[in-house]
Amino acid sequence: MSVSLYDNLIEEIIKKGEVKVPLTDCDAQFYLEDVLREKGIRFKKIVPLRNRGRAIKTLIFKIQ
């Protein structure tokens, strides 16, 4: 993912209050954490409950 896609994630979390990020995209996770902390926005990282037989593939960032 490029920086412009990361910026779209920032815009989405500010508008909607939450955004889903793939667990395998560590760069996006670190970028979101850094930008939200710089802006002074408190957030939670939520791992969704596992459905029967399905692997967890996303991490949810939610603004408090």
N, C-alpha and C. Protein backbone atom coordinates (compact mmCIF):
# COMPACT_ATOMS: atom_id res chain seq x y z
N MET A 1 0.84 -1.19 0.00
CA MET A 1 0.00 0.00 0.00
C MET A 1 0.88 1.25 0.00
N SER A 2 0.45 2.25 -0.71
CA SER A 2 1.20 3.49 -0.75
C SER A 2 0.66 4.46 0.31
N VAL A 3 1.37 5.55 0.48
CA VAL A 3 0.98 6.54 1.49
C VAL A 3 -0.41 7.10 1.20
N SER A 4 -0.76 7.27 -0.06
CA SER A 4 -2.09 7.82 -0.38
C SER A 4 -3.19 6.86 0.09
N LEU A 5 -2.96 5.55 0.01
CA LEU A 5 -3.95 4.60 0.51
C LEU A 5 -4.03 4.66 2.03
N TYR A 6 -2.89 4.88 2.68
CA TYR A 6 -2.90 5.03 4.13
C TYR A 6 -3.67 6.29 4.52
N ASP A 7 -3.51 7.36 3.74
CA ASP A 7 -4.25 8.59 4.01
C ASP A 7 -5.75 8.35 3.87
N ASN A 8 -6.14 7.50 2.93
CA ASN A 8 -7.56 7.16 2.79
C ASN A 8 -8.06 6.44 4.04
N LEU A 9 -7.21 5.59 4.64
CA LEU A 9 -7.60 4.92 5.87
C LEU A 9 -7.81 5.93 7.00
N ILE A 10 -6.93 6.93 7.07
CA ILE A 10 -7.07 7.97 8.10
C ILE A 10 -8.37 8.73 7.91
N GLU A 11 -8.67 9.11 6.68
CA GLU A 11 -9.93 9.83 6.39
C GLU A 11 -11.14 8.97 6.75
N GLU A 12 -11.06 7.68 6.43
CA GLU A 12 -12.17 6.78 6.71
C GLU A 12 -12.41 6.61 8.21
N ILE A 13 -11.34 6.47 8.98
CA ILE A 13 -11.53 6.28 10.42
C ILE A 13 -12.06 7.55 11.08
N ILE A 14 -11.67 8.71 10.56
CA ILE A 14 -12.18 9.96 11.12
C ILE A 14 -13.66 10.14 10.77
N LYS A 15 -14.07 9.76 9.54
CA LYS A 15 -15.47 9.90 9.13
C LYS A 15 -16.37 8.86 9.79
N LYS A 16 -15.97 7.59 9.72
CA LYS A 16 -16.83 6.50 10.18
C LYS A 16 -16.64 6.12 11.64
N GLY A 17 -15.47 6.42 12.19
CA GLY A 17 -15.20 6.06 13.58
C GLY A 17 -14.49 4.73 13.74
N GLU A 18 -14.41 3.97 12.65
CA GLU A 18 -13.67 2.72 12.70
C GLU A 18 -13.24 2.31 11.29
N VAL A 19 -12.21 1.48 11.24
CA VAL A 19 -11.70 0.99 9.97
C VAL A 19 -11.12 -0.40 10.19
N LYS A 20 -11.27 -1.26 9.18
CA LYS A 20 -10.71 -2.61 9.25
C LYS A 20 -9.41 -2.65 8.44
N VAL A 21 -8.39 -3.25 9.05
CA VAL A 21 -7.08 -3.36 8.42
C VAL A 21 -6.68 -4.83 8.42
N PRO A 22 -6.19 -5.35 7.31
CA PRO A 22 -5.75 -6.75 7.29
C PRO A 22 -4.62 -6.98 8.29
N LEU A 23 -4.64 -8.12 8.95
CA LEU A 23 -3.59 -8.44 9.92
C LEU A 23 -2.22 -8.51 9.28
N THR A 24 -2.16 -8.86 8.02
CA THR A 24 -0.89 -9.01 7.34
C THR A 24 -0.27 -7.68 6.92
N ASP A 25 -1.02 -6.58 7.01
CA ASP A 25 -0.52 -5.27 6.60
C ASP A 25 -0.02 -4.49 7.81
N CYS A 26 1.16 -4.86 8.27
CA CYS A 26 1.74 -4.23 9.46
C CYS A 26 2.06 -2.76 9.23
N ASP A 27 2.47 -2.41 8.01
CA ASP A 27 2.80 -1.01 7.72
C ASP A 27 1.58 -0.11 7.93
N ALA A 28 0.43 -0.55 7.47
CA ALA A 28 -0.80 0.24 7.63
C ALA A 28 -1.15 0.38 9.11
N GLN A 29 -0.97 -0.69 9.87
CA GLN A 29 -1.28 -0.65 11.30
C GLN A 29 -0.38 0.36 12.02
N PHE A 30 0.93 0.31 11.75
CA PHE A 30 1.86 1.24 12.39
C PHE A 30 1.60 2.68 11.95
N TYR A 31 1.28 2.87 10.67
CA TYR A 31 1.00 4.21 10.17
C TYR A 31 -0.24 4.79 10.85
N LEU A 32 -1.31 3.98 10.94
CA LEU A 32 -2.53 4.44 11.61
C LEU A 32 -2.24 4.81 13.07
N GLU A 33 -1.52 3.95 13.77
CA GLU A 33 -1.20 4.22 15.17
C GLU A 33 -0.44 5.52 15.31
N ASP A 34 0.60 5.70 14.49
CA ASP A 34 1.43 6.90 14.58
C ASP A 34 0.64 8.17 14.30
N VAL A 35 -0.15 8.16 13.22
CA VAL A 35 -0.90 9.36 12.84
C VAL A 35 -1.97 9.69 13.87
N LEU A 36 -2.67 8.68 14.36
CA LEU A 36 -3.71 8.94 15.36
C LEU A 36 -3.11 9.47 16.65
N ARG A 37 -1.97 8.94 17.04
CA ARG A 37 -1.30 9.44 18.26
C ARG A 37 -0.80 10.87 18.07
N GLU A 38 -0.25 11.17 16.89
CA GLU A 38 0.21 12.54 16.60
C GLU A 38 -0.93 13.54 16.66
N LYS A 39 -2.12 13.12 16.19
CA LYS A 39 -3.28 14.01 16.19
C LYS A 39 -3.98 14.05 17.54
N GLY A 40 -3.53 13.22 18.49
CA GLY A 40 -4.13 13.20 19.81
C GLY A 40 -5.47 12.49 19.86
N ILE A 41 -5.70 11.58 18.93
CA ILE A 41 -6.97 10.84 18.87
C ILE A 41 -6.79 9.52 19.59
N ARG A 42 -7.65 9.26 20.56
CA ARG A 42 -7.59 8.00 21.29
C ARG A 42 -8.30 6.92 20.49
N PHE A 43 -7.72 5.72 20.49
CA PHE A 43 -8.28 4.64 19.69
C PHE A 43 -8.07 3.31 20.39
N LYS A 44 -8.82 2.32 19.94
CA LYS A 44 -8.66 0.94 20.40
C LYS A 44 -8.40 0.06 19.20
N LYS A 45 -7.61 -0.97 19.43
CA LYS A 45 -7.42 -2.01 18.41
C LYS A 45 -8.23 -3.21 18.88
N ILE A 46 -9.14 -3.66 18.04
CA ILE A 46 -10.05 -4.75 18.41
C ILE A 46 -9.83 -5.93 17.47
N VAL A 47 -9.66 -7.09 18.06
CA VAL A 47 -9.59 -8.32 17.28
C VAL A 47 -10.99 -8.93 17.32
N PRO A 48 -11.66 -9.05 16.17
CA PRO A 48 -13.03 -9.57 16.17
C PRO A 48 -13.07 -11.02 16.64
N LEU A 49 -14.22 -11.40 17.20
CA LEU A 49 -14.39 -12.77 17.63
C LEU A 49 -14.32 -13.71 16.44
N ARG A 50 -13.76 -14.85 16.68
CA ARG A 50 -13.59 -15.82 15.61
C ARG A 50 -14.89 -16.57 15.36
N ASN A 51 -15.31 -16.63 14.11
CA ASN A 51 -16.47 -17.44 13.74
C ASN A 51 -16.03 -18.89 13.64
N ARG A 52 -16.96 -19.77 13.67
CA ARG A 52 -16.64 -21.19 13.62
C ARG A 52 -15.83 -21.54 12.37
N GLY A 53 -14.63 -22.04 12.59
CA GLY A 53 -13.81 -22.52 11.51
C GLY A 53 -13.14 -21.46 10.65
N ARG A 54 -13.39 -20.20 10.91
CA ARG A 54 -12.80 -19.14 10.10
C ARG A 54 -11.64 -18.50 10.86
N ALA A 55 -10.60 -18.18 10.13
CA ALA A 55 -9.46 -17.51 10.73
C ALA A 55 -9.73 -16.00 10.81
N ILE A 56 -9.12 -15.36 11.79
CA ILE A 56 -9.24 -13.92 11.93
C ILE A 56 -8.28 -13.28 10.93
N LYS A 57 -8.81 -12.42 10.06
CA LYS A 57 -8.00 -11.84 9.01
C LYS A 57 -7.89 -10.32 9.10
N THR A 58 -8.67 -9.70 9.98
CA THR A 58 -8.65 -8.24 10.08
C THR A 58 -8.51 -7.80 11.52
N LEU A 59 -8.05 -6.58 11.66
CA LEU A 59 -7.95 -5.91 12.94
C LEU A 59 -8.76 -4.63 12.81
N ILE A 60 -9.58 -4.31 13.78
CA ILE A 60 -10.44 -3.14 13.72
C ILE A 60 -9.85 -2.04 14.59
N PHE A 61 -9.63 -0.87 13.98
CA PHE A 61 -9.23 0.31 14.73
C PHE A 61 -10.50 1.11 14.97
N LYS A 62 -10.76 1.46 16.23
CA LYS A 62 -11.99 2.18 16.57
C LYS A 62 -11.64 3.39 17.41
N ILE A 63 -12.18 4.55 17.03
CA ILE A 63 -11.96 5.78 17.78
C ILE A 63 -12.84 5.74 19.02
N GLN A 64 -12.25 6.16 20.15
CA GLN A 64 -13.02 6.16 21.41
C GLN A 64 -13.82 7.44 21.54
